[in-house]
Amino acid sequence: MDLYNGEIVAFETARRPRFKMVDNMLTKALARLGENERPILHSDQRWQYQMSAFQRRLEARGLQQSMSRKGNCLDNAPMESFFAILKSELFHPGTFDTVQSLDDAITDYIDYYNHRRIKLELKGLAPVQYRNQPLNLPTQ
């Protein structure tokens, strides 16, 4: 999630937690970065984010990782909030016959969330609309 506009930058699903899932997600996220962009990556303390292979990939791109201490969810709070919204708007009211139908629904929901779900804190725009709006800077 980009904390600027709440846009989901990259995601990956899997039936079991494996490093490959997190590595694939990181590959997708890094592909969206410009050459000189160096955001801070906030995460919780799950084992995947503590693996040296994950940390080496961040270091190779010059990215800094931030993990809150145990019992403190400040670094990961925005994602936890997104997961609560996803569950209340998609998962709990939905019915999924297969894992694939759930995966497809998540993909569709994230597209909706990024492009059409408005947020009051973004001036009533969806995250991608907010990111793409003209700056309307005064001319001098």
C-alpha atoms as a PDB file:
ATOM      1  CA  MET A   1       0.000   0.000   0.000  1.00  0.00           C
ATOM      2  CA  ASP A   2       1.251   3.439  -0.917  1.00  0.00           C
ATOM      3  CA  LEU A   3       0.627   5.584   2.153  1.00  0.00           C
ATOM      4  CA  TYR A   4       0.320   8.708  -0.024  1.00  0.00           C
ATOM      5  CA  ASN A   5      -3.069   7.705  -1.420  1.00  0.00           C
ATOM      6  CA  GLY A   6      -3.866   4.287   0.054  1.00  0.00           C
ATOM      7  CA  GLU A   7      -3.458   2.580  -3.307  1.00  0.00           C
ATOM      8  CA  ILE A   8      -2.646  -1.124  -3.245  1.00  0.00           C
ATOM      9  CA  VAL A   9       0.623  -1.242  -5.179  1.00  0.00           C
ATOM     10  CA  ALA A  10       1.115  -5.003  -5.335  1.00  0.00           C
ATOM     11  CA  PHE A  11      -0.433  -8.116  -3.871  1.00  0.00           C
ATOM     12  CA  GLU A  12      -0.037 -11.863  -4.031  1.00  0.00           C
ATOM     13  CA  THR A  13      -2.160 -14.674  -2.668  1.00  0.00           C
ATOM     14  CA  ALA A  14      -1.232 -18.250  -1.839  1.00  0.00           C
ATOM     15  CA  ARG A  15      -2.799 -21.190  -0.070  1.00  0.00           C
ATOM     16  CA  ARG A  16       0.043 -21.346   2.453  1.00  0.00           C
ATOM     17  CA  PRO A  17       2.503 -18.751   3.726  1.00  0.00           C
ATOM     18  CA  ARG A  18       5.707 -19.288   1.776  1.00  0.00           C
ATOM     19  CA  PHE A  19       8.586 -16.984   1.095  1.00  0.00           C
ATOM     20  CA  LYS A  20       7.881 -17.199  -2.654  1.00  0.00           C
ATOM     21  CA  MET A  21       4.539 -15.414  -2.103  1.00  0.00           C
ATOM     22  CA  VAL A  22       6.239 -12.442  -0.430  1.00  0.00           C
ATOM     23  CA  ASP A  23       9.093 -12.496  -2.933  1.00  0.00           C
ATOM     24  CA  ASN A  24       6.630 -12.365  -5.862  1.00  0.00           C
ATOM     25  CA  MET A  25       4.769  -9.463  -4.246  1.00  0.00           C
ATOM     26  CA  LEU A  26       8.047  -7.612  -3.717  1.00  0.00           C
ATOM     27  CA  THR A  27       9.004  -8.165  -7.367  1.00  0.00           C
ATOM     28  CA  LYS A  28       5.698  -6.616  -8.483  1.00  0.00           C
ATOM     29  CA  ALA A  29       6.106  -3.662  -6.106  1.00  0.00           C
ATOM     30  CA  LEU A  30       9.712  -2.989  -7.128  1.00  0.00           C
ATOM     31  CA  ALA A  31       8.730  -3.045 -10.803  1.00  0.00           C
ATOM     32  CA  ARG A  32       6.460  -0.062 -10.162  1.00  0.00           C
ATOM     33  CA  LEU A  33       9.230   2.061  -8.639  1.00  0.00           C
ATOM     34  CA  GLY A  34      11.127   4.609 -10.637  1.00  0.00           C
ATOM     35  CA  GLU A  35      14.919   4.361 -10.777  1.00  0.00           C
ATOM     36  CA  ASN A  36      15.433   6.982  -8.056  1.00  0.00           C
ATOM     37  CA  GLU A  37      12.389   6.260  -5.866  1.00  0.00           C
ATOM     38  CA  ARG A  38      13.335   5.038  -2.396  1.00  0.00           C
ATOM     39  CA  PRO A  39      10.213   4.554  -0.254  1.00  0.00           C
ATOM     40  CA  ILE A  40      10.331   3.027   3.206  1.00  0.00           C
ATOM     41  CA  LEU A  41       8.794  -0.440   3.338  1.00  0.00           C
ATOM     42  CA  HIS A  42       6.689  -0.867   6.476  1.00  0.00           C
ATOM     43  CA  SER A  43       5.854  -4.403   7.601  1.00  0.00           C
ATOM     44  CA  ASP A  44       5.030  -6.499  10.593  1.00  0.00           C
ATOM     45  CA  GLN A  45       7.557  -8.933  12.072  1.00  0.00           C
ATOM     46  CA  ARG A  46       6.446 -12.103  10.306  1.00  0.00           C
ATOM     47  CA  TRP A  47       9.234 -14.481   9.395  1.00  0.00           C
ATOM     48  CA  GLN A  48       9.028 -13.693   5.663  1.00  0.00           C
ATOM     49  CA  TYR A  49      10.006 -10.051   6.219  1.00  0.00           C
ATOM     50  CA  GLN A  50      12.877 -11.010   8.526  1.00  0.00           C
ATOM     51  CA  MET A  51      14.490 -13.404   6.046  1.00  0.00           C
ATOM     52  CA  SER A  52      17.907 -12.317   4.851  1.00  0.00           C
ATOM     53  CA  ALA A  53      16.874 -12.909   1.202  1.00  0.00           C
ATOM     54  CA  PHE A  54      14.033 -10.382   1.574  1.00  0.00           C
ATOM     55  CA  GLN A  55      16.246  -7.857   3.338  1.00  0.00           C
ATOM     56  CA  ARG A  56      19.017  -8.268   0.729  1.00  0.00           C
ATOM     57  CA  ARG A  57      16.548  -7.468  -2.061  1.00  0.00           C
ATOM     58  CA  LEU A  58      15.503  -4.277  -0.266  1.00  0.00           C
ATOM     59  CA  GLU A  59      19.119  -3.331   0.343  1.00  0.00           C
ATOM     60  CA  ALA A  60      20.006  -3.936  -3.315  1.00  0.00           C
ATOM     61  CA  ARG A  61      17.382  -1.340  -4.309  1.00  0.00           C
ATOM     62  CA  GLY A  62      18.428   1.067  -1.559  1.00  0.00           C
ATOM     63  CA  LEU A  63      15.159   0.674   0.343  1.00  0.00           C
ATOM     64  CA  GLN A  64      14.813   0.935   4.078  1.00  0.00           C
ATOM     65  CA  GLN A  65      12.637  -1.512   5.992  1.00  0.00           C
ATOM     66  CA  SER A  66      10.666  -0.446   9.051  1.00  0.00           C
ATOM     67  CA  MET A  67       9.174  -2.999  11.432  1.00  0.00           C
ATOM     68  CA  SER A  68       7.468  -2.027  14.646  1.00  0.00           C
ATOM     69  CA  ARG A  69       8.463  -3.767  17.836  1.00  0.00           C
ATOM     70  CA  LYS A  70       6.530  -6.845  18.917  1.00  0.00           C
ATOM     71  CA  GLY A  71       3.065  -5.917  20.165  1.00  0.00           C
ATOM     72  CA  ASN A  72       3.138  -2.553  18.357  1.00  0.00           C
ATOM     73  CA  CYS A  73       1.329  -2.485  15.019  1.00  0.00           C
ATOM     74  CA  LEU A  74       2.048   1.105  13.954  1.00  0.00           C
ATOM     75  CA  ASP A  75       4.096   0.206  10.867  1.00  0.00           C
ATOM     76  CA  ASN A  76       1.498  -2.247   9.624  1.00  0.00           C
ATOM     77  CA  ALA A  77      -1.681  -0.462  10.803  1.00  0.00           C
ATOM     78  CA  PRO A  78      -2.686   0.876   7.359  1.00  0.00           C
ATOM     79  CA  MET A  79      -2.603  -2.630   5.881  1.00  0.00           C
ATOM     80  CA  GLU A  80      -4.502  -4.073   8.828  1.00  0.00           C
ATOM     81  CA  SER A  81      -7.150  -1.402   8.230  1.00  0.00           C
ATOM     82  CA  PHE A  82      -7.313  -2.352   4.539  1.00  0.00           C
ATOM     83  CA  PHE A  83      -7.721  -6.031   5.458  1.00  0.00           C
ATOM     84  CA  ALA A  84     -10.640  -5.127   7.748  1.00  0.00           C
ATOM     85  CA  ILE A  85     -12.313  -3.228   4.869  1.00  0.00           C
ATOM     86  CA  LEU A  86     -11.658  -6.100   2.448  1.00  0.00           C
ATOM     87  CA  LYS A  87     -13.203  -8.587   4.865  1.00  0.00           C
ATOM     88  CA  SER A  88     -16.272  -6.464   5.600  1.00  0.00           C
ATOM     89  CA  GLU A  89     -16.951  -5.443   1.985  1.00  0.00           C
ATOM     90  CA  LEU A  90     -15.934  -8.615   0.126  1.00  0.00           C
ATOM     91  CA  PHE A  91     -15.299 -11.685   2.212  1.00  0.00           C
ATOM     92  CA  HIS A  92     -18.081 -11.711   4.822  1.00  0.00           C
ATOM     93  CA  PRO A  93     -20.957 -10.816   2.482  1.00  0.00           C
ATOM     94  CA  GLY A  94     -19.601 -13.068  -0.290  1.00  0.00           C
ATOM     95  CA  THR A  95     -19.906 -16.746  -1.103  1.00  0.00           C
ATOM     96  CA  PHE A  96     -16.959 -18.482  -2.722  1.00  0.00           C
ATOM     97  CA  ASP A  97     -17.271 -21.984  -4.151  1.00  0.00           C
ATOM     98  CA  THR A  98     -13.565 -22.427  -4.832  1.00  0.00           C
ATOM     99  CA  VAL A  99     -10.259 -20.919  -3.811  1.00  0.00           C
ATOM    100  CA  GLN A 100      -9.920 -19.657  -7.393  1.00  0.00           C
ATOM    101  CA  SER A 101     -13.246 -17.803  -7.137  1.00  0.00           C
ATOM    102  CA  LEU A 102     -11.982 -16.126  -3.942  1.00  0.00           C
ATOM    103  CA  ASP A 103      -8.681 -15.197  -5.654  1.00  0.00           C
ATOM    104  CA  ASP A 104     -10.605 -13.744  -8.614  1.00  0.00           C
ATOM    105  CA  ALA A 105     -12.879 -11.780  -6.273  1.00  0.00           C
ATOM    106  CA  ILE A 106      -9.871 -10.347  -4.415  1.00  0.00           C
ATOM    107  CA  THR A 107      -8.269  -9.269  -7.700  1.00  0.00           C
ATOM    108  CA  ASP A 108     -11.510  -7.601  -8.799  1.00  0.00           C
ATOM    109  CA  TYR A 109     -11.971  -5.936  -5.398  1.00  0.00           C
ATOM    110  CA  ILE A 110      -8.468  -4.462  -5.382  1.00  0.00           C
ATOM    111  CA  ASP A 111      -9.087  -3.037  -8.856  1.00  0.00           C
ATOM    112  CA  TYR A 112     -12.347  -1.525  -7.555  1.00  0.00           C
ATOM    113  CA  TYR A 113     -10.629  -0.257  -4.398  1.00  0.00           C
ATOM    114  CA  ASN A 114      -7.841   1.438  -6.351  1.00  0.00           C
ATOM    115  CA  HIS A 115      -9.907   2.889  -9.218  1.00  0.00           C
ATOM    116  CA  ARG A 116     -13.512   3.399  -8.105  1.00  0.00           C
ATOM    117  CA  ARG A 117     -13.923   3.265  -4.300  1.00  0.00           C
ATOM    118  CA  ILE A 118     -13.911   6.883  -3.157  1.00  0.00           C
ATOM    119  CA  LYS A 119     -12.335   8.057   0.075  1.00  0.00           C
ATOM    120  CA  LEU A 120     -13.314  11.232   1.858  1.00  0.00           C
ATOM    121  CA  GLU A 121      -9.715  11.885   2.920  1.00  0.00           C
ATOM    122  CA  LEU A 122      -8.772  11.902  -0.780  1.00  0.00           C
ATOM    123  CA  LYS A 123     -11.244  14.688  -1.625  1.00  0.00           C
ATOM    124  CA  GLY A 124     -13.892  12.145  -2.629  1.00  0.00           C
ATOM    125  CA  LEU A 125     -11.606  10.489  -5.179  1.00  0.00           C
ATOM    126  CA  ALA A 126     -10.432   6.904  -5.539  1.00  0.00           C
ATOM    127  CA  PRO A 127      -6.706   6.330  -4.834  1.00  0.00           C
ATOM    128  CA  VAL A 128      -5.614   6.215  -8.503  1.00  0.00           C
ATOM    129  CA  GLN A 129      -7.772   9.242  -9.349  1.00  0.00           C
ATOM    130  CA  TYR A 130      -6.148  11.130  -6.476  1.00  0.00           C
ATOM    131  CA  ARG A 131      -2.628  10.167  -7.616  1.00  0.00           C
ATOM    132  CA  ASN A 132      -3.378  11.197 -11.210  1.00  0.00           C
ATOM    133  CA  GLN A 133      -5.147  14.486 -10.546  1.00  0.00           C
ATOM    134  CA  PRO A 134      -3.439  17.600 -11.876  1.00  0.00           C
ATOM    135  CA  LEU A 135      -1.624  19.605  -9.246  1.00  0.00           C
ATOM    136  CA  ASN A 136      -3.319  22.862 -10.260  1.00  0.00           C
ATOM    137  CA  LEU A 137      -0.395  24.887  -8.982  1.00  0.00           C
ATOM    138  CA  PRO A 138      -0.750  28.661  -9.291  1.00  0.00           C
ATOM    139  CA  THR A 139       1.137  30.138 -12.199  1.00  0.00           C
ATOM    140  CA  GLN A 140       3.645  32.867 -11.530  1.00  0.00           C
END
